[in-house]
Amino acid sequence: VVLATLVAAVGLLTDSVAVVIGAMVIAPLLGPLLALAFGSTLGDAALIRRSLMSASSGIGLALALSFGAGVLFPLDVETQEITSRLGVGLDGLLVAIASGAAGALAASRGTPGALVGVMVAVAILPPTTVVGLMLGQGRIMDAWGALQLLGLNIAGLQLAAQAVFVANGIRPGRWWEKRGARQSRVVSTLVSGTVVLVFLVVFFTRDFS
């Protein structure tokens, strides 16, 4: 996470797509996010806790490092790579959904997930870094826009990954665990689905306000 965040910050600030892609390659974000969707599908409370701790600590570390960079160094925060991540859009939601579905499909079928890891990093690491940079620069509204993008991407990832796990027949092996798994799936779907639904409503109605 430390290395990926540093590389991502350099790529964002120098407006280098190639460097940002390099950060995506080394970002270790696929495992915790897929584990969270998998644990929610199975109703595995221990796995959900571990994946939440792992994902939140990774994202928190990326935020802290990028915030420090924003505070300590004079930065050009008007690059295209940054400004494109200061708000939410349908393109970001589609990337998140495709990433979550592809990651879950690769995991459930046992296929290599390196490329999928890059796709997930596309949706998570750059906006996380932008949030930290904007906070470090004192640009609260820009940070809020990037944070909305980050939240939407995580929700889209979780919703799509869980749907693929369910479609592939991922179920608890013991009958007494199935009720808890159903409740877990409902709660997870409601939380992620609500975030995505609110975004869609705001997106399609903001031009009429």
Protein backbone atom coordinates (compact mmCIF):
# COMPACT_ATOMS: atom_id res chain seq x y z
CA VAL A 1 0.00 0.00 0.00
CA VAL A 2 2.81 2.41 0.85
CA LEU A 3 4.59 1.84 -2.44
CA ALA A 4 1.40 1.86 -4.49
CA THR A 5 0.24 5.13 -2.89
CA LEU A 6 3.55 6.87 -3.47
CA VAL A 7 3.58 5.78 -7.11
CA ALA A 8 -0.07 6.80 -7.55
CA ALA A 9 0.58 10.24 -6.05
CA VAL A 10 3.47 10.84 -8.43
CA GLY A 11 1.38 9.70 -11.40
CA LEU A 12 -1.57 11.87 -10.43
CA LEU A 13 0.52 14.98 -9.83
CA THR A 14 2.60 14.59 -13.00
CA ASP A 15 -0.48 13.69 -15.06
CA SER A 16 1.14 10.41 -16.11
CA VAL A 17 -1.30 7.67 -17.02
CA ALA A 18 1.52 5.13 -17.24
CA VAL A 19 2.69 5.83 -13.68
CA VAL A 20 -0.88 5.61 -12.34
CA ILE A 21 -1.25 2.24 -14.06
CA GLY A 22 2.00 1.16 -12.40
CA ALA A 23 0.49 1.99 -9.03
CA MET A 24 -2.60 -0.04 -9.90
CA VAL A 25 -0.44 -3.07 -10.66
CA ILE A 26 1.13 -3.15 -7.20
CA ALA A 27 -1.92 -2.06 -5.20
CA PRO A 28 -2.97 -4.97 -2.91
CA LEU A 29 -6.67 -4.15 -2.91
CA LEU A 30 -8.25 -7.15 -4.62
CA GLY A 31 -8.06 -9.64 -1.76
CA PRO A 32 -9.76 -7.67 1.05
CA LEU A 33 -12.57 -6.38 -1.19
CA LEU A 34 -13.39 -9.80 -2.63
CA ALA A 35 -13.11 -11.36 0.82
CA LEU A 36 -15.68 -8.88 2.10
CA ALA A 37 -18.12 -9.79 -0.67
CA PHE A 38 -17.41 -13.50 -0.16
CA GLY A 39 -17.89 -13.27 3.60
CA SER A 40 -21.15 -11.39 3.11
CA THR A 41 -22.37 -14.08 0.72
CA LEU A 42 -21.59 -16.85 3.21
CA GLY A 43 -22.62 -14.94 6.33
CA ASP A 44 -19.11 -15.54 7.72
CA ALA A 45 -18.83 -12.90 10.45
CA ALA A 46 -15.15 -13.61 11.17
CA LEU A 47 -14.21 -13.24 7.51
CA ILE A 48 -16.24 -10.05 7.23
CA ARG A 49 -14.44 -8.56 10.25
CA ARG A 50 -10.99 -9.53 8.95
CA SER A 51 -11.67 -8.24 5.45
CA LEU A 52 -13.10 -4.97 6.78
CA MET A 53 -10.05 -4.46 8.98
CA SER A 54 -7.69 -5.25 6.12
CA ALA A 55 -9.48 -3.07 3.56
CA SER A 56 -10.01 -0.15 5.94
CA SER A 57 -6.41 -0.22 7.18
CA GLY A 58 -5.10 -0.27 3.59
CA ILE A 59 -7.32 2.58 2.50
CA GLY A 60 -6.58 4.48 5.72
CA LEU A 61 -2.84 4.14 5.17
CA ALA A 62 -3.19 5.38 1.59
CA LEU A 63 -5.21 8.36 2.86
CA ALA A 64 -2.64 9.19 5.53
CA LEU A 65 0.30 9.05 3.13
CA SER A 66 -1.39 11.13 0.45
CA PHE A 67 -2.59 13.63 3.07
CA GLY A 68 0.99 14.02 4.27
CA ALA A 69 2.13 14.62 0.70
CA GLY A 70 -0.57 17.25 0.27
CA VAL A 71 0.50 19.06 3.45
CA LEU A 72 4.27 18.92 3.06
CA PHE A 73 4.85 19.62 -0.62
CA PRO A 74 3.72 22.35 -3.02
CA LEU A 75 1.61 20.46 -5.52
CA ASP A 76 -0.06 21.01 -8.85
CA VAL A 77 -3.52 19.65 -8.16
CA GLU A 78 -5.04 20.72 -11.48
CA THR A 79 -3.81 17.79 -13.57
CA GLN A 80 -6.26 15.86 -15.72
CA GLU A 81 -5.65 12.68 -13.72
CA ILE A 82 -6.77 14.46 -10.56
CA THR A 83 -9.64 16.58 -11.87
CA SER A 84 -11.22 13.53 -13.51
CA ARG A 85 -11.61 12.02 -10.04
CA LEU A 86 -13.16 14.96 -8.22
CA GLY A 87 -16.71 13.77 -8.71
CA VAL A 88 -18.89 10.81 -9.53
CA GLY A 89 -20.15 9.70 -12.91
CA LEU A 90 -21.70 6.74 -14.65
CA ASP A 91 -18.33 5.77 -16.09
CA GLY A 92 -16.88 5.29 -12.60
CA LEU A 93 -19.87 3.21 -11.53
CA LEU A 94 -19.56 0.98 -14.61
CA VAL A 95 -15.84 0.44 -13.94
CA ALA A 96 -16.57 -0.50 -10.32
CA ILE A 97 -19.34 -2.95 -11.27
CA ALA A 98 -17.23 -4.56 -14.01
CA SER A 99 -14.26 -4.84 -11.65
CA GLY A 100 -16.28 -6.46 -8.87
CA ALA A 101 -17.97 -8.92 -11.23
CA ALA A 102 -14.70 -9.87 -12.93
CA GLY A 103 -12.90 -10.31 -9.61
CA ALA A 104 -15.62 -12.53 -8.17
CA LEU A 105 -15.78 -14.59 -11.36
CA ALA A 106 -12.02 -15.12 -11.34
CA ALA A 107 -12.03 -16.07 -7.66
CA SER A 108 -14.97 -18.48 -7.93
CA ARG A 109 -13.46 -20.23 -10.96
CA GLY A 110 -9.90 -20.26 -9.70
CA THR A 111 -8.51 -18.28 -12.64
CA PRO A 112 -5.55 -15.90 -12.32
CA GLY A 113 -6.58 -12.59 -10.84
CA ALA A 114 -3.64 -10.32 -11.62
CA LEU A 115 -5.45 -8.38 -14.33
CA VAL A 116 -8.57 -8.21 -12.20
CA GLY A 117 -6.49 -6.77 -9.39
CA VAL A 118 -5.48 -3.95 -11.70
CA MET A 119 -9.16 -3.29 -12.54
CA VAL A 120 -10.09 -3.13 -8.87
CA ALA A 121 -7.18 -0.80 -8.18
CA VAL A 122 -8.46 1.48 -10.95
CA ALA A 123 -11.64 1.97 -8.98
CA ILE A 124 -10.14 2.33 -5.49
CA LEU A 125 -6.53 3.51 -5.21
CA PRO A 126 -6.52 6.68 -7.37
CA PRO A 127 -9.61 8.28 -5.80
CA THR A 128 -8.30 7.38 -2.34
CA THR A 129 -5.05 9.15 -3.10
CA VAL A 130 -6.91 12.16 -4.52
CA VAL A 131 -8.97 12.44 -1.32
CA GLY A 132 -5.80 12.60 0.77
CA LEU A 133 -4.08 15.10 -1.54
CA MET A 134 -7.09 17.40 -1.56
CA LEU A 135 -7.45 17.26 2.22
CA GLY A 136 -3.76 18.05 2.59
CA GLN A 137 -4.21 21.08 0.35
CA GLY A 138 -7.27 22.21 2.33
CA ARG A 139 -9.60 21.74 -0.63
CA ILE A 140 -12.48 20.23 1.29
CA MET A 141 -15.10 20.29 -1.47
CA ASP A 142 -12.76 18.59 -3.94
CA ALA A 143 -11.93 15.99 -1.29
CA TRP A 144 -15.65 15.43 -0.75
CA GLY A 145 -16.17 14.86 -4.47
CA ALA A 146 -13.36 12.30 -4.61
CA LEU A 147 -14.68 10.64 -1.44
CA GLN A 148 -18.10 10.25 -3.07
CA LEU A 149 -16.42 8.56 -6.03
CA LEU A 150 -14.52 6.25 -3.70
CA GLY A 151 -17.67 5.28 -1.77
CA LEU A 152 -19.63 4.66 -4.96
CA ASN A 153 -16.85 2.51 -6.39
CA ILE A 154 -16.64 0.36 -3.27
CA ALA A 155 -20.43 -0.08 -3.20
CA GLY A 156 -20.52 -1.01 -6.90
CA LEU A 157 -17.69 -3.48 -6.44
CA GLN A 158 -19.38 -5.17 -3.51
CA LEU A 159 -22.78 -5.33 -5.18
CA ALA A 160 -21.44 -6.86 -8.39
CA ALA A 161 -19.05 -9.28 -6.68
CA GLN A 162 -21.74 -10.60 -4.35
CA ALA A 163 -24.17 -11.04 -7.25
CA VAL A 164 -21.58 -13.13 -9.11
CA PHE A 165 -20.84 -15.25 -6.04
CA VAL A 166 -24.56 -15.95 -5.56
CA ALA A 167 -25.04 -16.71 -9.26
CA ASN A 168 -22.18 -19.21 -9.08
CA GLY A 169 -23.91 -21.09 -6.28
CA ILE A 170 -21.67 -20.01 -3.41
CA ARG A 171 -23.54 -21.18 -0.30
CA PRO A 172 -22.68 -22.33 3.24
CA GLY A 173 -22.15 -26.07 3.48
CA ARG A 174 -24.19 -26.55 6.68
CA TRP A 175 -27.95 -26.06 6.78
CA TRP A 176 -27.93 -24.13 10.05
CA GLU A 177 -25.62 -21.52 8.51
CA LYS A 178 -27.90 -20.79 5.56
CA ARG A 179 -30.28 -18.51 7.46
CA GLY A 180 -27.42 -16.33 8.67
CA ALA A 181 -26.03 -16.23 5.14
CA ARG A 182 -29.37 -15.04 3.77
CA GLN A 183 -29.55 -12.27 6.35
CA SER A 184 -25.98 -11.24 5.61
CA ARG A 185 -26.64 -11.10 1.87
CA VAL A 186 -29.76 -9.00 2.40
CA VAL A 187 -27.98 -6.49 4.65
CA SER A 188 -24.97 -6.22 2.36
CA THR A 189 -27.14 -5.83 -0.72
CA LEU A 190 -29.28 -3.17 0.94
CA VAL A 191 -26.26 -1.13 2.04
CA SER A 192 -24.43 -1.28 -1.29
CA GLY A 193 -27.61 -1.03 -3.31
CA THR A 194 -28.76 2.05 -1.42
CA VAL A 195 -25.48 3.86 -2.12
CA VAL A 196 -25.70 3.03 -5.82
CA LEU A 197 -29.41 3.90 -6.00
CA VAL A 198 -28.91 7.28 -4.31
CA PHE A 199 -26.17 8.09 -6.77
CA LEU A 200 -28.33 7.13 -9.76
CA VAL A 201 -31.23 9.23 -8.49
CA VAL A 202 -28.98 12.25 -7.91
CA PHE A 203 -27.21 11.77 -11.24
CA PHE A 204 -30.39 11.62 -13.31
CA THR A 205 -32.21 14.40 -11.45
CA ARG A 206 -29.48 17.00 -10.88
CA ASP A 207 -29.96 18.56 -14.32
CA PHE A 208 -33.61 19.29 -13.48
CA SER A 209 -33.00 21.02 -10.16
